[in-house]
Amino acid sequence: MEATGCYGDALATYLHEQGCVVSVVNPAQIKSFGGAQLRRAKTDKTDAKLIAQFCQDMHPAPWTPHRCMCESCRRWCIACPHSRIWKPRNRIDWELQLA
């Protein structure tokens, strides 16, 4: 699946918990791959086929959930220090993240 910040984390976590192998890929990589395939059409159906072809050809690394997947962090991922998109507001927040 394409990386969508915290929006795709719930789906990726659910699929991982169900035993599926999940890969979360930068959308720019898939776009570049599509350009190399000379694909110009942009619909949901062609995007899905392109992502499937990308995974078959490139074998992206499996995704694993963040170490902190408590319910509040899933709901408010922007505030979670373990989230990829969390940014410390000040020195104290930064030190709390490192603790």
Protein backbone atom coordinates (compact mmCIF):
# COMPACT_ATOMS: atom_id res chain seq x y z
CA MET A 1 0.00 0.00 0.00
CA GLU A 2 1.09 3.58 -0.49
CA ALA A 3 2.22 5.52 2.56
CA THR A 4 -0.45 7.99 3.69
CA GLY A 5 0.97 9.18 7.00
CA CYS A 6 -1.11 7.98 9.94
CA TYR A 7 -4.22 7.45 7.80
CA GLY A 8 -3.12 4.03 6.53
CA ASP A 9 -1.62 2.86 9.82
CA ALA A 10 -4.91 1.43 11.12
CA LEU A 11 -5.43 -0.63 7.96
CA ALA A 12 -1.80 -1.76 7.87
CA THR A 13 -1.97 -2.73 11.55
CA TYR A 14 -5.21 -4.67 11.05
CA LEU A 15 -3.83 -6.57 8.05
CA HIS A 16 -0.60 -7.31 9.95
CA GLU A 17 -2.60 -8.65 12.92
CA GLN A 18 -4.54 -10.91 10.51
CA GLY A 19 -1.26 -12.46 9.35
CA CYS A 20 -0.93 -10.60 6.05
CA VAL A 21 2.44 -9.38 4.83
CA VAL A 22 2.09 -5.62 4.45
CA SER A 23 4.46 -3.24 2.69
CA VAL A 24 4.10 0.53 2.97
CA VAL A 25 5.77 2.26 0.04
CA ASN A 26 6.52 5.90 -0.73
CA PRO A 27 4.03 7.04 -3.42
CA ALA A 28 6.89 8.70 -5.33
CA GLN A 29 8.49 5.27 -5.84
CA ILE A 30 5.32 3.88 -7.34
CA LYS A 31 4.84 6.95 -9.52
CA SER A 32 8.39 6.61 -10.81
CA PHE A 33 7.84 2.90 -11.44
CA GLY A 34 4.68 3.73 -13.40
CA GLY A 35 6.57 6.29 -15.47
CA ALA A 36 9.16 3.66 -16.36
CA GLN A 37 6.28 1.41 -17.46
CA LEU A 38 4.98 4.24 -19.69
CA ARG A 39 1.60 4.21 -17.94
CA ARG A 40 -0.29 7.43 -18.37
CA ALA A 41 -3.85 6.62 -17.29
CA LYS A 42 -4.71 7.61 -13.70
CA THR A 43 -7.71 5.78 -12.27
CA ASP A 44 -8.20 3.79 -9.08
CA LYS A 45 -8.23 0.57 -11.10
CA THR A 46 -4.97 1.33 -12.93
CA ASP A 47 -3.37 2.54 -9.67
CA ALA A 48 -4.25 -0.76 -7.97
CA LYS A 49 -2.77 -2.73 -10.87
CA LEU A 50 0.37 -0.57 -10.80
CA ILE A 51 0.86 -1.08 -7.05
CA ALA A 52 0.39 -4.84 -7.47
CA GLN A 53 2.91 -4.90 -10.34
CA PHE A 54 5.35 -2.81 -8.29
CA CYS A 55 5.15 -5.31 -5.40
CA GLN A 56 5.62 -8.30 -7.70
CA ASP A 57 8.64 -6.80 -9.41
CA MET A 58 10.34 -4.84 -6.60
CA HIS A 59 9.56 -6.95 -3.48
CA PRO A 60 9.30 -4.04 -0.99
CA ALA A 61 10.30 -4.71 2.61
CA PRO A 62 7.57 -5.94 4.97
CA TRP A 63 6.06 -3.32 7.27
CA THR A 64 5.84 -3.81 11.03
CA PRO A 65 3.68 -1.78 13.44
CA HIS A 66 5.15 0.98 15.55
CA ARG A 67 6.34 -0.21 18.93
CA CYS A 68 3.67 1.95 20.58
CA MET A 69 0.28 1.00 19.18
CA CYS A 70 -1.93 1.89 22.13
CA GLU A 71 -5.46 2.96 21.27
CA SER A 72 -4.88 6.63 22.05
CA CYS A 73 -1.78 6.68 19.85
CA ARG A 74 -3.69 5.07 17.00
CA ARG A 75 -6.47 7.62 17.34
CA TRP A 76 -4.16 10.62 17.74
CA CYS A 77 -1.11 9.50 15.83
CA ILE A 78 0.15 13.03 15.24
CA ALA A 79 0.73 13.36 19.00
CA CYS A 80 2.38 9.98 19.43
CA PRO A 81 6.18 10.27 19.87
CA HIS A 82 6.62 6.92 18.11
CA SER A 83 4.73 8.02 15.01
CA ARG A 84 6.64 8.79 11.82
CA ILE A 85 4.95 12.18 11.56
CA TRP A 86 5.39 13.34 15.16
CA LYS A 87 7.51 16.45 15.51
CA PRO A 88 8.73 17.67 18.91
CA ARG A 89 7.44 21.14 19.78
CA ASN A 90 10.27 21.92 22.19
CA ARG A 91 13.31 20.49 23.99
CA ILE A 92 11.20 18.78 26.67
CA ASP A 93 9.12 16.90 24.07
CA TRP A 94 12.32 15.82 22.34
CA GLU A 95 13.80 14.52 25.61
CA LEU A 96 10.56 12.65 26.41
CA GLN A 97 10.74 10.94 23.02
CA LEU A 98 14.31 9.77 23.69
CA ALA A 99 13.43 8.44 27.15
